[in-house]
Amino acid sequence: MISPYLWVPFTLLAATAQVLRNALQSGLVKEIGTLGATQVRFVYGLPFAVLLLLAYLKVSGEALPVATGGAVGWMLLGAASQIGATALMLEVMARRDFGVAYACIKTEPVTVALLGLVLIGDRLSPLGWFAVVVVTVGVVLASLRPGDGTQRLGEARPVLIGVASGALFGLSAIAFRAGIDGVPTGSFLVRSLVMLVVSLAMQSGMLLAWFAFRGAAPLAASLRHWRTSLGAGALGALASAGWFIAFSLTIAANVRTLGLIEMPIVALIARRVSGKWLSPREAGGFALITLGVALLLLAHGT
């Protein structure tokens, strides 16, 4: 019998790998540009995803399931949405006003909950909805810095980029969950890993076609930084595998909300290394995130 909380460790694994991947990708933006850094997680991640799938098939002895046309369609939607969301996220990470945009990006759980309800009928309990709102408020509170509210919220560009990125990430999460659920046979692990390979193959194909049409300079630049690119690709494949497996076990809103627990953990580590204390705003925001995650787990168990 599968534990109703099995999605939790896979989500935490995904969030941890994602933090490390984002750090490598943000460094690559300065060296090879936004598009070059965007393609790294997909093109360089595909071989690692294939290796994960082959290793699982070898160990488990399971047969390779065949995806339906509907499942492939959902994965295509998710693949395109995730490319757009990643490009927008990396674009805004290089801006001084990243705090506002990051807060908008991380309102994604609300988008996921709404889209999940409308598109595939995923339902949260009232306590689950409350948990999503609490976590989102905590993220916004912790992300904004002094002056953000009066100076930078008036600048439409970072806010619009952040909202668009968060909405596309939310759409991709719902599409990926629907695609995994659309595979009629196989365990949750093999369905997740197969669709991970399918999505990364689609994304790699889209980006390579773009490079063929517009010039391969970003791809060539990533080859010059192949060690960092391979590291980001491996971590990206690991993070995506964790997300996909978690999506196969519970609704996407649960997964994406719990995934935000990485935010206070990373901030606390960074503050400890730098020797700086958390501001009251950050401490309050992180407390709300932690409370919201606890409420989410409580709602999931009722």
C-alpha atoms as a PDB file:
ATOM      1  CA  MET A   1       0.000   0.000   0.000  1.00  0.00           C
ATOM      2  CA  ILE A   2       1.321   3.441  -0.970  1.00  0.00           C
ATOM      3  CA  SER A   3       1.595   5.917   1.905  1.00  0.00           C
ATOM      4  CA  PRO A   4      -0.627   9.000   1.439  1.00  0.00           C
ATOM      5  CA  TYR A   5       2.428  11.103   2.336  1.00  0.00           C
ATOM      6  CA  LEU A   6       4.879   9.487  -0.102  1.00  0.00           C
ATOM      7  CA  TRP A   7       4.716  12.627  -2.240  1.00  0.00           C
ATOM      8  CA  VAL A   8       6.352  14.641   0.559  1.00  0.00           C
ATOM      9  CA  PRO A   9       9.935  13.267   0.324  1.00  0.00           C
ATOM     10  CA  PHE A  10       9.857  13.436  -3.481  1.00  0.00           C
ATOM     11  CA  THR A  11       8.735  17.070  -3.287  1.00  0.00           C
ATOM     12  CA  LEU A  12      11.507  17.929  -0.833  1.00  0.00           C
ATOM     13  CA  LEU A  13      14.057  16.204  -3.080  1.00  0.00           C
ATOM     14  CA  ALA A  14      12.774  18.169  -6.065  1.00  0.00           C
ATOM     15  CA  ALA A  15      12.870  21.485  -4.212  1.00  0.00           C
ATOM     16  CA  THR A  16      16.432  20.897  -3.003  1.00  0.00           C
ATOM     17  CA  ALA A  17      17.710  19.938  -6.454  1.00  0.00           C
ATOM     18  CA  GLN A  18      15.876  22.913  -7.944  1.00  0.00           C
ATOM     19  CA  VAL A  19      17.602  25.366  -5.607  1.00  0.00           C
ATOM     20  CA  LEU A  20      21.003  24.043  -6.652  1.00  0.00           C
ATOM     21  CA  ARG A  21      20.056  24.018 -10.336  1.00  0.00           C
ATOM     22  CA  ASN A  22      18.772  27.591 -10.199  1.00  0.00           C
ATOM     23  CA  ALA A  23      22.053  28.703  -8.629  1.00  0.00           C
ATOM     24  CA  LEU A  24      24.022  27.178 -11.503  1.00  0.00           C
ATOM     25  CA  GLN A  25      21.631  28.552 -14.118  1.00  0.00           C
ATOM     26  CA  SER A  26      21.684  32.073 -12.692  1.00  0.00           C
ATOM     27  CA  GLY A  27      25.478  32.027 -12.936  1.00  0.00           C
ATOM     28  CA  LEU A  28      25.250  30.901 -16.551  1.00  0.00           C
ATOM     29  CA  VAL A  29      22.938  33.797 -17.466  1.00  0.00           C
ATOM     30  CA  LYS A  30      25.839  36.219 -17.045  1.00  0.00           C
ATOM     31  CA  GLU A  31      28.073  34.076 -19.253  1.00  0.00           C
ATOM     32  CA  ILE A  32      25.806  32.791 -22.038  1.00  0.00           C
ATOM     33  CA  GLY A  33      22.601  34.838 -21.817  1.00  0.00           C
ATOM     34  CA  THR A  34      19.026  34.016 -20.847  1.00  0.00           C
ATOM     35  CA  LEU A  35      18.232  31.664 -23.734  1.00  0.00           C
ATOM     36  CA  GLY A  36      21.510  29.800 -23.360  1.00  0.00           C
ATOM     37  CA  ALA A  37      20.911  29.260 -19.655  1.00  0.00           C
ATOM     38  CA  THR A  38      17.282  28.299 -20.277  1.00  0.00           C
ATOM     39  CA  GLN A  39      18.123  25.476 -22.672  1.00  0.00           C
ATOM     40  CA  VAL A  40      20.667  23.938 -20.293  1.00  0.00           C
ATOM     41  CA  ARG A  41      18.063  22.405 -17.963  1.00  0.00           C
ATOM     42  CA  PHE A  42      16.320  20.749 -20.903  1.00  0.00           C
ATOM     43  CA  VAL A  43      18.961  19.820 -23.499  1.00  0.00           C
ATOM     44  CA  TYR A  44      21.564  18.801 -20.925  1.00  0.00           C
ATOM     45  CA  GLY A  45      18.947  17.282 -18.640  1.00  0.00           C
ATOM     46  CA  LEU A  46      17.525  14.867 -21.232  1.00  0.00           C
ATOM     47  CA  PRO A  47      20.413  12.335 -21.168  1.00  0.00           C
ATOM     48  CA  PHE A  48      20.218  12.140 -17.374  1.00  0.00           C
ATOM     49  CA  ALA A  49      16.450  11.592 -17.503  1.00  0.00           C
ATOM     50  CA  VAL A  50      16.943   8.765 -20.005  1.00  0.00           C
ATOM     51  CA  LEU A  51      19.540   7.184 -17.711  1.00  0.00           C
ATOM     52  CA  LEU A  52      17.123   7.404 -14.760  1.00  0.00           C
ATOM     53  CA  LEU A  53      14.386   5.691 -16.771  1.00  0.00           C
ATOM     54  CA  LEU A  54      16.677   2.948 -18.084  1.00  0.00           C
ATOM     55  CA  ALA A  55      18.058   2.289 -14.607  1.00  0.00           C
ATOM     56  CA  TYR A  56      14.549   1.994 -13.163  1.00  0.00           C
ATOM     57  CA  LEU A  57      13.383  -0.338 -15.940  1.00  0.00           C
ATOM     58  CA  LYS A  58      16.448  -2.523 -15.398  1.00  0.00           C
ATOM     59  CA  VAL A  59      15.958  -2.748 -11.634  1.00  0.00           C
ATOM     60  CA  SER A  60      12.159  -3.082 -11.595  1.00  0.00           C
ATOM     61  CA  GLY A  61      11.667  -5.254 -14.659  1.00  0.00           C
ATOM     62  CA  GLU A  62       8.590  -3.221 -15.608  1.00  0.00           C
ATOM     63  CA  ALA A  63       7.525  -2.895 -19.214  1.00  0.00           C
ATOM     64  CA  LEU A  64       7.690   0.469 -20.930  1.00  0.00           C
ATOM     65  CA  PRO A  65       4.149   1.933 -20.957  1.00  0.00           C
ATOM     66  CA  VAL A  66       2.668   3.570 -24.033  1.00  0.00           C
ATOM     67  CA  ALA A  67       1.282   7.091 -23.658  1.00  0.00           C
ATOM     68  CA  THR A  68      -2.079   8.028 -25.145  1.00  0.00           C
ATOM     69  CA  GLY A  69      -2.507  10.911 -27.570  1.00  0.00           C
ATOM     70  CA  GLY A  70      -4.208  12.940 -24.859  1.00  0.00           C
ATOM     71  CA  ALA A  71      -1.310  12.412 -22.474  1.00  0.00           C
ATOM     72  CA  VAL A  72       1.177  13.518 -25.126  1.00  0.00           C
ATOM     73  CA  GLY A  73      -0.919  16.622 -25.790  1.00  0.00           C
ATOM     74  CA  TRP A  74      -0.861  17.566 -22.119  1.00  0.00           C
ATOM     75  CA  MET A  75       2.904  17.050 -22.018  1.00  0.00           C
ATOM     76  CA  LEU A  76       3.358  19.276 -25.068  1.00  0.00           C
ATOM     77  CA  LEU A  77       1.404  22.042 -23.349  1.00  0.00           C
ATOM     78  CA  GLY A  78       3.429  21.592 -20.169  1.00  0.00           C
ATOM     79  CA  ALA A  79       6.726  21.515 -22.053  1.00  0.00           C
ATOM     80  CA  ALA A  80       6.059  24.766 -23.903  1.00  0.00           C
ATOM     81  CA  SER A  81       4.731  26.499 -20.776  1.00  0.00           C
ATOM     82  CA  GLN A  82       7.760  25.491 -18.723  1.00  0.00           C
ATOM     83  CA  ILE A  83      10.213  26.804 -21.317  1.00  0.00           C
ATOM     84  CA  GLY A  84       8.461  30.165 -21.318  1.00  0.00           C
ATOM     85  CA  ALA A  85       8.267  30.276 -17.527  1.00  0.00           C
ATOM     86  CA  THR A  86      11.954  29.421 -17.129  1.00  0.00           C
ATOM     87  CA  ALA A  87      13.047  32.050 -19.642  1.00  0.00           C
ATOM     88  CA  LEU A  88      10.998  34.729 -17.883  1.00  0.00           C
ATOM     89  CA  MET A  89      12.313  33.661 -14.466  1.00  0.00           C
ATOM     90  CA  LEU A  90      15.949  33.820 -15.575  1.00  0.00           C
ATOM     91  CA  GLU A  91      15.331  37.144 -17.284  1.00  0.00           C
ATOM     92  CA  VAL A  92      14.046  38.708 -14.097  1.00  0.00           C
ATOM     93  CA  MET A  93      16.680  37.099 -11.847  1.00  0.00           C
ATOM     94  CA  ALA A  94      19.269  39.427 -13.370  1.00  0.00           C
ATOM     95  CA  ARG A  95      17.271  42.553 -12.466  1.00  0.00           C
ATOM     96  CA  ARG A  96      17.781  44.703  -9.392  1.00  0.00           C
ATOM     97  CA  ASP A  97      14.070  44.553  -8.585  1.00  0.00           C
ATOM     98  CA  PHE A  98      14.032  40.767  -8.381  1.00  0.00           C
ATOM     99  CA  GLY A  99      12.302  40.866  -4.978  1.00  0.00           C
ATOM    100  CA  VAL A 100       8.989  42.049  -6.392  1.00  0.00           C
ATOM    101  CA  ALA A 101       9.123  39.727  -9.385  1.00  0.00           C
ATOM    102  CA  TYR A 102      10.154  36.743  -7.251  1.00  0.00           C
ATOM    103  CA  ALA A 103       7.188  37.363  -4.959  1.00  0.00           C
ATOM    104  CA  CYS A 104       4.915  37.347  -8.011  1.00  0.00           C
ATOM    105  CA  ILE A 105       6.502  34.170  -9.402  1.00  0.00           C
ATOM    106  CA  LYS A 106       6.034  32.371  -6.107  1.00  0.00           C
ATOM    107  CA  THR A 107       2.306  33.070  -6.026  1.00  0.00           C
ATOM    108  CA  GLU A 108       2.248  30.034  -8.333  1.00  0.00           C
ATOM    109  CA  PRO A 109       0.444  27.735  -5.825  1.00  0.00           C
ATOM    110  CA  VAL A 110      -2.674  29.892  -6.102  1.00  0.00           C
ATOM    111  CA  THR A 111      -2.523  29.630  -9.898  1.00  0.00           C
ATOM    112  CA  VAL A 112      -1.960  25.877  -9.667  1.00  0.00           C
ATOM    113  CA  ALA A 113      -4.919  25.422  -7.333  1.00  0.00           C
ATOM    114  CA  LEU A 114      -7.239  27.444  -9.577  1.00  0.00           C
ATOM    115  CA  LEU A 115      -6.075  25.888 -12.853  1.00  0.00           C
ATOM    116  CA  GLY A 116      -6.150  22.418 -11.336  1.00  0.00           C
ATOM    117  CA  LEU A 117      -9.771  22.905 -10.343  1.00  0.00           C
ATOM    118  CA  VAL A 118     -10.815  24.361 -13.705  1.00  0.00           C
ATOM    119  CA  LEU A 119      -8.811  22.159 -16.091  1.00  0.00           C
ATOM    120  CA  ILE A 120      -8.677  18.713 -14.477  1.00  0.00           C
ATOM    121  CA  GLY A 121     -11.002  18.846 -11.475  1.00  0.00           C
ATOM    122  CA  ASP A 122      -8.342  18.715  -8.740  1.00  0.00           C
ATOM    123  CA  ARG A 123     -10.012  19.840  -5.526  1.00  0.00           C
ATOM    124  CA  LEU A 124      -8.530  21.237  -2.336  1.00  0.00           C
ATOM    125  CA  SER A 125     -10.331  21.148   0.979  1.00  0.00           C
ATOM    126  CA  PRO A 126     -11.180  24.511   2.610  1.00  0.00           C
ATOM    127  CA  LEU A 127      -8.207  24.019   4.953  1.00  0.00           C
ATOM    128  CA  GLY A 128      -6.029  23.258   1.938  1.00  0.00           C
ATOM    129  CA  TRP A 129      -7.070  26.508   0.241  1.00  0.00           C
ATOM    130  CA  PHE A 130      -6.357  28.413   3.441  1.00  0.00           C
ATOM    131  CA  ALA A 131      -2.901  26.804   3.623  1.00  0.00           C
ATOM    132  CA  VAL A 132      -2.114  27.848   0.038  1.00  0.00           C
ATOM    133  CA  VAL A 133      -3.101  31.446   0.793  1.00  0.00           C
ATOM    134  CA  VAL A 134      -1.064  31.515   4.031  1.00  0.00           C
ATOM    135  CA  VAL A 135       2.052  30.213   2.269  1.00  0.00           C
ATOM    136  CA  THR A 136       1.627  32.683  -0.595  1.00  0.00           C
ATOM    137  CA  VAL A 137       1.253  35.647   1.761  1.00  0.00           C
ATOM    138  CA  GLY A 138       4.360  34.454   3.590  1.00  0.00           C
ATOM    139  CA  VAL A 139       6.356  34.305   0.356  1.00  0.00           C
ATOM    140  CA  VAL A 140       5.298  37.804  -0.678  1.00  0.00           C
ATOM    141  CA  LEU A 141       6.089  39.184   2.779  1.00  0.00           C
ATOM    142  CA  ALA A 142       9.522  37.563   2.895  1.00  0.00           C
ATOM    143  CA  SER A 143      10.447  38.486  -0.686  1.00  0.00           C
ATOM    144  CA  LEU A 144       9.744  42.197  -0.613  1.00  0.00           C
ATOM    145  CA  ARG A 145      12.419  44.563   0.671  1.00  0.00           C
ATOM    146  CA  PRO A 146      12.144  48.063   2.161  1.00  0.00           C
ATOM    147  CA  GLY A 147      11.064  50.408  -0.596  1.00  0.00           C
ATOM    148  CA  ASP A 148       9.649  47.666  -2.800  1.00  0.00           C
ATOM    149  CA  GLY A 149       6.079  48.578  -2.054  1.00  0.00           C
ATOM    150  CA  THR A 150       6.378  52.273  -2.832  1.00  0.00           C
ATOM    151  CA  GLN A 151       9.097  52.375  -5.481  1.00  0.00           C
ATOM    152  CA  ARG A 152       9.203  49.120  -7.411  1.00  0.00           C
ATOM    153  CA  LEU A 153       5.580  48.039  -7.382  1.00  0.00           C
ATOM    154  CA  GLY A 154       5.009  51.065  -9.563  1.00  0.00           C
ATOM    155  CA  GLU A 155       7.275  49.564 -12.215  1.00  0.00           C
ATOM    156  CA  ALA A 156       5.033  47.364 -14.305  1.00  0.00           C
ATOM    157  CA  ARG A 157       7.712  45.312 -16.055  1.00  0.00           C
ATOM    158  CA  PRO A 158       9.069  43.207 -13.147  1.00  0.00           C
ATOM    159  CA  VAL A 159       5.579  42.614 -11.789  1.00  0.00           C
ATOM    160  CA  LEU A 160       4.210  41.527 -15.166  1.00  0.00           C
ATOM    161  CA  ILE A 161       7.201  39.269 -15.816  1.00  0.00           C
ATOM    162  CA  GLY A 162       6.809  37.681 -12.395  1.00  0.00           C
ATOM    163  CA  VAL A 163       3.070  37.120 -12.764  1.00  0.00           C
ATOM    164  CA  ALA A 164       3.502  35.688 -16.263  1.00  0.00           C
ATOM    165  CA  SER A 165       6.288  33.357 -15.129  1.00  0.00           C
ATOM    166  CA  GLY A 166       4.291  32.124 -12.144  1.00  0.00           C
ATOM    167  CA  ALA A 167       1.193  31.565 -14.274  1.00  0.00           C
ATOM    168  CA  LEU A 168       3.159  29.567 -16.855  1.00  0.00           C
ATOM    169  CA  PHE A 169       4.828  27.483 -14.155  1.00  0.00           C
ATOM    170  CA  GLY A 170       1.379  26.803 -12.724  1.00  0.00           C
ATOM    171  CA  LEU A 171       0.002  25.787 -16.113  1.00  0.00           C
ATOM    172  CA  SER A 172       2.961  23.476 -16.724  1.00  0.00           C
ATOM    173  CA  ALA A 173       2.450  21.753 -13.361  1.00  0.00           C
ATOM    174  CA  ILE A 174      -1.204  21.030 -14.145  1.00  0.00           C
ATOM    175  CA  ALA A 175      -0.399  19.858 -17.669  1.00  0.00           C
ATOM    176  CA  PHE A 176       2.359  17.541 -16.462  1.00  0.00           C
ATOM    177  CA  ARG A 177       0.097  16.009 -13.811  1.00  0.00           C
ATOM    178  CA  ALA A 178      -2.650  15.466 -16.391  1.00  0.00           C
ATOM    179  CA  GLY A 179      -0.155  13.919 -18.800  1.00  0.00           C
ATOM    180  CA  ILE A 180       1.188  11.483 -16.196  1.00  0.00           C
ATOM    181  CA  ASP A 181      -2.347  10.506 -15.166  1.00  0.00           C
ATOM    182  CA  GLY A 182      -3.153   9.958 -18.844  1.00  0.00           C
ATOM    183  CA  VAL A 183      -0.738   7.027 -19.125  1.00  0.00           C
ATOM    184  CA  PRO A 184      -3.056   4.019 -18.716  1.00  0.00           C
ATOM    185  CA  THR A 185      -0.588   1.396 -17.456  1.00  0.00           C
ATOM    186  CA  GLY A 186       2.445   1.064 -15.202  1.00  0.00           C
ATOM    187  CA  SER A 187       3.408   2.064 -11.678  1.00  0.00           C
ATOM    188  CA  PHE A 188       3.511   5.701 -10.641  1.00  0.00           C
ATOM    189  CA  LEU A 189       7.310   5.630 -10.913  1.00  0.00           C
ATOM    190  CA  VAL A 190       7.549   4.339 -14.467  1.00  0.00           C
ATOM    191  CA  ARG A 191       4.716   6.604 -15.663  1.00  0.00           C
ATOM    192  CA  SER A 192       6.452   9.625 -14.147  1.00  0.00           C
ATOM    193  CA  LEU A 193       9.884   8.800 -15.569  1.00  0.00           C
ATOM    194  CA  VAL A 194       8.538   7.996 -19.035  1.00  0.00           C
ATOM    195  CA  MET A 195       6.673  11.274 -19.228  1.00  0.00           C
ATOM    196  CA  LEU A 196       9.713  13.120 -17.896  1.00  0.00           C
ATOM    197  CA  VAL A 197      11.736  11.807 -20.838  1.00  0.00           C
ATOM    198  CA  VAL A 198       8.890  12.692 -23.221  1.00  0.00           C
ATOM    199  CA  SER A 199       8.660  16.261 -21.914  1.00  0.00           C
ATOM    200  CA  LEU A 200      12.427  16.864 -21.975  1.00  0.00           C
ATOM    201  CA  ALA A 201      12.638  15.421 -25.489  1.00  0.00           C
ATOM    202  CA  MET A 202       9.890  17.816 -26.590  1.00  0.00           C
ATOM    203  CA  GLN A 203      11.587  20.769 -24.924  1.00  0.00           C
ATOM    204  CA  SER A 204      14.993  19.893 -26.338  1.00  0.00           C
ATOM    205  CA  GLY A 205      13.456  19.556 -29.799  1.00  0.00           C
ATOM    206  CA  MET A 206      11.743  22.941 -29.529  1.00  0.00           C
ATOM    207  CA  LEU A 207      14.926  24.679 -28.425  1.00  0.00           C
ATOM    208  CA  LEU A 208      17.177  22.970 -30.965  1.00  0.00           C
ATOM    209  CA  ALA A 209      14.713  23.918 -33.718  1.00  0.00           C
ATOM    210  CA  TRP A 210      14.842  27.503 -32.488  1.00  0.00           C
ATOM    211  CA  PHE A 211      18.638  27.448 -32.560  1.00  0.00           C
ATOM    212  CA  ALA A 212      18.612  26.003 -36.086  1.00  0.00           C
ATOM    213  CA  PHE A 213      16.355  28.846 -37.209  1.00  0.00           C
ATOM    214  CA  ARG A 214      17.836  31.746 -35.243  1.00  0.00           C
ATOM    215  CA  GLY A 215      21.452  30.683 -34.772  1.00  0.00           C
ATOM    216  CA  ALA A 216      23.173  28.294 -32.384  1.00  0.00           C
ATOM    217  CA  ALA A 217      25.302  30.830 -30.502  1.00  0.00           C
ATOM    218  CA  PRO A 218      23.603  30.134 -27.109  1.00  0.00           C
ATOM    219  CA  LEU A 219      24.102  26.383 -27.521  1.00  0.00           C
ATOM    220  CA  ALA A 220      27.725  26.846 -28.550  1.00  0.00           C
ATOM    221  CA  ALA A 221      28.280  29.115 -25.554  1.00  0.00           C
ATOM    222  CA  SER A 222      26.909  26.452 -23.206  1.00  0.00           C
ATOM    223  CA  LEU A 223      29.398  23.955 -24.654  1.00  0.00           C
ATOM    224  CA  ARG A 224      32.220  26.260 -23.591  1.00  0.00           C
ATOM    225  CA  HIS A 225      30.831  26.027 -20.050  1.00  0.00           C
ATOM    226  CA  TRP A 226      30.076  22.318 -20.302  1.00  0.00           C
ATOM    227  CA  ARG A 227      30.895  21.440 -16.691  1.00  0.00           C
ATOM    228  CA  THR A 228      28.396  23.913 -15.264  1.00  0.00           C
ATOM    229  CA  SER A 229      25.899  23.052 -17.998  1.00  0.00           C
ATOM    230  CA  LEU A 230      26.138  19.333 -17.235  1.00  0.00           C
ATOM    231  CA  GLY A 231      25.733  20.018 -13.525  1.00  0.00           C
ATOM    232  CA  ALA A 232      22.644  22.137 -14.136  1.00  0.00           C
ATOM    233  CA  GLY A 233      21.266  19.489 -16.489  1.00  0.00           C
ATOM    234  CA  ALA A 234      21.774  16.672 -13.989  1.00  0.00           C
ATOM    235  CA  LEU A 235      20.212  18.651 -11.155  1.00  0.00           C
ATOM    236  CA  GLY A 236      17.384  19.719 -13.450  1.00  0.00           C
ATOM    237  CA  ALA A 237      16.617  16.114 -14.368  1.00  0.00           C
ATOM    238  CA  LEU A 238      16.681  15.106 -10.701  1.00  0.00           C
ATOM    239  CA  ALA A 239      14.420  18.005  -9.710  1.00  0.00           C
ATOM    240  CA  SER A 240      11.964  17.290 -12.522  1.00  0.00           C
ATOM    241  CA  ALA A 241      11.893  13.590 -11.642  1.00  0.00           C
ATOM    242  CA  GLY A 242      10.984  14.516  -8.074  1.00  0.00           C
ATOM    243  CA  TRP A 243       8.246  16.907  -9.206  1.00  0.00           C
ATOM    244  CA  PHE A 244       6.790  14.421 -11.690  1.00  0.00           C
ATOM    245  CA  ILE A 245       6.723  11.566  -9.187  1.00  0.00           C
ATOM    246  CA  ALA A 246       5.062  13.832  -6.621  1.00  0.00           C
ATOM    247  CA  PHE A 247       2.491  14.961  -9.241  1.00  0.00           C
ATOM    248  CA  SER A 248       1.614  11.307  -9.840  1.00  0.00           C
ATOM    249  CA  LEU A 249       0.831  10.851  -6.134  1.00  0.00           C
ATOM    250  CA  THR A 250      -1.194  13.946  -5.220  1.00  0.00           C
ATOM    251  CA  ILE A 251      -2.682  17.095  -6.728  1.00  0.00           C
ATOM    252  CA  ALA A 252      -0.240  19.672  -8.080  1.00  0.00           C
ATOM    253  CA  ALA A 253      -1.325  22.388  -5.627  1.00  0.00           C
ATOM    254  CA  ASN A 254      -0.139  20.266  -2.699  1.00  0.00           C
ATOM    255  CA  VAL A 255       3.218  19.660  -4.357  1.00  0.00           C
ATOM    256  CA  ARG A 256       3.941  23.238  -5.381  1.00  0.00           C
ATOM    257  CA  THR A 257       2.856  24.640  -2.028  1.00  0.00           C
ATOM    258  CA  LEU A 258       5.075  22.262  -0.044  1.00  0.00           C
ATOM    259  CA  GLY A 259       7.916  23.014  -2.447  1.00  0.00           C
ATOM    260  CA  LEU A 260       8.043  26.570  -1.117  1.00  0.00           C
ATOM    261  CA  ILE A 261       9.469  25.288   2.172  1.00  0.00           C
ATOM    262  CA  GLU A 262      12.855  25.528   0.443  1.00  0.00           C
ATOM    263  CA  MET A 263      12.637  29.305   0.556  1.00  0.00           C
ATOM    264  CA  PRO A 264      13.096  29.821   4.331  1.00  0.00           C
ATOM    265  CA  ILE A 265      15.647  26.998   4.505  1.00  0.00           C
ATOM    266  CA  VAL A 266      17.832  28.547   1.811  1.00  0.00           C
ATOM    267  CA  ALA A 267      17.475  32.013   3.310  1.00  0.00           C
ATOM    268  CA  LEU A 268      18.441  30.796   6.778  1.00  0.00           C
ATOM    269  CA  ILE A 269      21.525  29.048   5.415  1.00  0.00           C
ATOM    270  CA  ALA A 270      22.516  32.152   3.457  1.00  0.00           C
ATOM    271  CA  ARG A 271      22.032  34.356   6.503  1.00  0.00           C
ATOM    272  CA  ARG A 272      24.106  32.015   8.654  1.00  0.00           C
ATOM    273  CA  VAL A 273      26.939  32.073   6.137  1.00  0.00           C
ATOM    274  CA  SER A 274      26.815  35.864   5.817  1.00  0.00           C
ATOM    275  CA  GLY A 275      26.374  36.444   9.551  1.00  0.00           C
ATOM    276  CA  LYS A 276      23.315  38.661   9.035  1.00  0.00           C
ATOM    277  CA  TRP A 277      20.124  38.306  11.047  1.00  0.00           C
ATOM    278  CA  LEU A 278      16.717  37.890   9.485  1.00  0.00           C
ATOM    279  CA  SER A 279      14.663  41.066   9.351  1.00  0.00           C
ATOM    280  CA  PRO A 280      11.296  41.051  11.160  1.00  0.00           C
ATOM    281  CA  ARG A 281       9.590  41.014   7.754  1.00  0.00           C
ATOM    282  CA  GLU A 282      11.549  37.954   6.623  1.00  0.00           C
ATOM    283  CA  ALA A 283      11.038  36.145   9.923  1.00  0.00           C
ATOM    284  CA  GLY A 284       7.303  36.805   9.774  1.00  0.00           C
ATOM    285  CA  GLY A 285       7.102  35.651   6.164  1.00  0.00           C
ATOM    286  CA  PHE A 286       9.008  32.454   6.855  1.00  0.00           C
ATOM    287  CA  ALA A 287       6.847  31.748   9.897  1.00  0.00           C
ATOM    288  CA  LEU A 288       3.756  32.027   7.689  1.00  0.00           C
ATOM    289  CA  ILE A 289       5.296  29.700   5.088  1.00  0.00           C
ATOM    290  CA  THR A 290       6.061  27.113   7.760  1.00  0.00           C
ATOM    291  CA  LEU A 291       2.576  27.449   9.249  1.00  0.00           C
ATOM    292  CA  GLY A 292       0.970  27.130   5.823  1.00  0.00           C
ATOM    293  CA  VAL A 293       2.958  23.991   5.009  1.00  0.00           C
ATOM    294  CA  ALA A 294       1.941  22.458   8.347  1.00  0.00           C
ATOM    295  CA  LEU A 295      -1.711  23.271   7.609  1.00  0.00           C
ATOM    296  CA  LEU A 296      -1.369  21.762   4.137  1.00  0.00           C
ATOM    297  CA  LEU A 297      -0.048  18.487   5.543  1.00  0.00           C
ATOM    298  CA  LEU A 298      -2.822  18.508   8.153  1.00  0.00           C
ATOM    299  CA  ALA A 299      -5.434  19.081   5.440  1.00  0.00           C
ATOM    300  CA  HIS A 300      -3.966  16.268   3.358  1.00  0.00           C
ATOM    301  CA  GLY A 301      -4.294  13.865   6.250  1.00  0.00           C
ATOM    302  CA  THR A 302      -7.945  14.645   6.989  1.00  0.00           C
END
